[in-house]
């Protein structure tokens, strides 16, 4: 599921997607490649693999489709619960 947000959300907003809860933590300063500064939306959630809390940030005008795993358990393109066969 994807949700669209426009702008910076205040801390305390709760979003639940496919049973995973994301708590907004307010604006997170970010330096762009061109040196400009913008604020991103900050979030805290629990890793779907290990349960450890981790933080992430999303663009203020992007479709909200966040990662569900912490940096240690990232598996781009693999859905939660999907089994991958060794070849």
C-alpha atoms as a PDB file:
ATOM      1  CA  UNK A   1       0.000   0.000   0.000  1.00  0.00           C
ATOM      2  CA  UNK A   2       1.189   3.519  -0.739  1.00  0.00           C
ATOM      3  CA  UNK A   3       0.021   6.774   0.835  1.00  0.00           C
ATOM      4  CA  UNK A   4       0.741  10.295  -0.387  1.00  0.00           C
ATOM      5  CA  UNK A   5       1.748  13.133   1.934  1.00  0.00           C
ATOM      6  CA  UNK A   6       2.346  16.757   1.061  1.00  0.00           C
ATOM      7  CA  UNK A   7       4.700  18.768   3.241  1.00  0.00           C
ATOM      8  CA  UNK A   8       6.427  18.166   6.552  1.00  0.00           C
ATOM      9  CA  UNK A   9       4.386  16.264   9.118  1.00  0.00           C
ATOM     10  CA  UNK A  10       4.489  17.130  12.810  1.00  0.00           C
ATOM     11  CA  UNK A  11       5.869  14.625  15.305  1.00  0.00           C
ATOM     12  CA  UNK A  12       3.306  12.157  16.604  1.00  0.00           C
ATOM     13  CA  UNK A  13       1.487  11.171  13.402  1.00  0.00           C
ATOM     14  CA  UNK A  14       0.913   7.407  13.280  1.00  0.00           C
ATOM     15  CA  UNK A  15       0.633   5.551   9.967  1.00  0.00           C
ATOM     16  CA  UNK A  16       0.026   1.791   9.731  1.00  0.00           C
ATOM     17  CA  UNK A  17       0.773  -0.009   6.459  1.00  0.00           C
ATOM     18  CA  UNK A  18       0.328  -3.787   6.162  1.00  0.00           C
ATOM     19  CA  UNK A  19       0.413  -4.075   9.960  1.00  0.00           C
ATOM     20  CA  UNK A  20       3.662  -2.121  10.380  1.00  0.00           C
ATOM     21  CA  UNK A  21       3.425   1.084  12.410  1.00  0.00           C
ATOM     22  CA  UNK A  22       5.396   4.214  11.468  1.00  0.00           C
ATOM     23  CA  UNK A  23       5.590   7.088  13.971  1.00  0.00           C
ATOM     24  CA  UNK A  24       6.526  10.496  12.577  1.00  0.00           C
ATOM     25  CA  UNK A  25       9.355  12.178  14.462  1.00  0.00           C
ATOM     26  CA  UNK A  26       9.124  15.592  12.795  1.00  0.00           C
ATOM     27  CA  UNK A  27      11.428  17.275  10.294  1.00  0.00           C
ATOM     28  CA  UNK A  28      14.931  15.931   9.578  1.00  0.00           C
ATOM     29  CA  UNK A  29      17.445  18.359   7.990  1.00  0.00           C
ATOM     30  CA  UNK A  30      19.030  17.042   4.788  1.00  0.00           C
ATOM     31  CA  UNK A  31      21.767  18.486   2.568  1.00  0.00           C
ATOM     32  CA  UNK A  32      21.111  17.922  -1.135  1.00  0.00           C
ATOM     33  CA  UNK A  33      23.832  17.147  -3.686  1.00  0.00           C
ATOM     34  CA  UNK A  34      23.740  20.738  -4.897  1.00  0.00           C
ATOM     35  CA  UNK A  35      24.451  21.957  -1.340  1.00  0.00           C
ATOM     36  CA  UNK A  36      20.919  23.189  -0.674  1.00  0.00           C
ATOM     37  CA  UNK A  37      19.162  22.210   2.535  1.00  0.00           C
ATOM     38  CA  UNK A  38      15.669  20.768   2.807  1.00  0.00           C
ATOM     39  CA  UNK A  39      13.667  19.075   5.552  1.00  0.00           C
ATOM     40  CA  UNK A  40      12.559  15.456   5.185  1.00  0.00           C
ATOM     41  CA  UNK A  41       9.829  13.680   7.138  1.00  0.00           C
ATOM     42  CA  UNK A  42      11.402  11.614   9.918  1.00  0.00           C
ATOM     43  CA  UNK A  43       9.923   8.256  10.964  1.00  0.00           C
ATOM     44  CA  UNK A  44      10.582   5.525  13.526  1.00  0.00           C
ATOM     45  CA  UNK A  45       9.438   1.925  13.093  1.00  0.00           C
ATOM     46  CA  UNK A  46      10.373  -1.631  14.093  1.00  0.00           C
ATOM     47  CA  UNK A  47      12.292  -3.884  11.689  1.00  0.00           C
ATOM     48  CA  UNK A  48      10.074  -6.626  10.247  1.00  0.00           C
ATOM     49  CA  UNK A  49      13.023  -9.074  10.481  1.00  0.00           C
ATOM     50  CA  UNK A  50      14.527  -8.486  13.944  1.00  0.00           C
ATOM     51  CA  UNK A  51      12.091  -6.116  15.686  1.00  0.00           C
ATOM     52  CA  UNK A  52      14.787  -3.505  16.409  1.00  0.00           C
ATOM     53  CA  UNK A  53      13.667   0.146  16.210  1.00  0.00           C
ATOM     54  CA  UNK A  54      15.207   2.194  13.410  1.00  0.00           C
ATOM     55  CA  UNK A  55      14.794   5.640  11.886  1.00  0.00           C
ATOM     56  CA  UNK A  56      14.173   6.559   8.273  1.00  0.00           C
ATOM     57  CA  UNK A  57      13.363   9.711   6.335  1.00  0.00           C
ATOM     58  CA  UNK A  58      11.098  10.328   3.349  1.00  0.00           C
ATOM     59  CA  UNK A  59      10.708  13.256   0.972  1.00  0.00           C
ATOM     60  CA  UNK A  60       7.955  15.697   1.983  1.00  0.00           C
ATOM     61  CA  UNK A  61       6.081  15.415  -1.326  1.00  0.00           C
ATOM     62  CA  UNK A  62       6.687  11.762  -2.182  1.00  0.00           C
ATOM     63  CA  UNK A  63       4.440   8.748  -2.134  1.00  0.00           C
ATOM     64  CA  UNK A  64       4.970   7.099   1.261  1.00  0.00           C
ATOM     65  CA  UNK A  65       6.263   3.612   0.539  1.00  0.00           C
ATOM     66  CA  UNK A  66       8.892   3.145   3.261  1.00  0.00           C
ATOM     67  CA  UNK A  67      11.294   0.326   3.930  1.00  0.00           C
ATOM     68  CA  UNK A  68      10.166  -2.267   6.462  1.00  0.00           C
ATOM     69  CA  UNK A  69      13.609  -3.520   7.469  1.00  0.00           C
ATOM     70  CA  UNK A  70      16.504  -1.933   9.360  1.00  0.00           C
ATOM     71  CA  UNK A  71      19.788  -1.257   7.518  1.00  0.00           C
ATOM     72  CA  UNK A  72      21.243  -4.569   8.795  1.00  0.00           C
ATOM     73  CA  UNK A  73      18.399  -6.593   7.244  1.00  0.00           C
ATOM     74  CA  UNK A  74      17.716  -4.650   4.032  1.00  0.00           C
ATOM     75  CA  UNK A  75      16.650  -6.850   1.144  1.00  0.00           C
ATOM     76  CA  UNK A  76      15.696  -4.583  -1.777  1.00  0.00           C
ATOM     77  CA  UNK A  77      12.996  -6.103  -3.961  1.00  0.00           C
ATOM     78  CA  UNK A  78      12.164  -8.919  -1.536  1.00  0.00           C
ATOM     79  CA  UNK A  79       8.782  -8.623   0.122  1.00  0.00           C
ATOM     80  CA  UNK A  80       8.239  -9.495   3.793  1.00  0.00           C
ATOM     81  CA  UNK A  81       7.496 -13.207   4.117  1.00  0.00           C
ATOM     82  CA  UNK A  82       8.711 -13.966   0.575  1.00  0.00           C
ATOM     83  CA  UNK A  83      10.982 -16.999   0.387  1.00  0.00           C
ATOM     84  CA  UNK A  84      13.932 -16.853  -1.984  1.00  0.00           C
ATOM     85  CA  UNK A  85      15.295 -20.130  -3.306  1.00  0.00           C
ATOM     86  CA  UNK A  86      19.043 -20.572  -3.583  1.00  0.00           C
ATOM     87  CA  UNK A  87      20.235 -21.317  -7.099  1.00  0.00           C
END
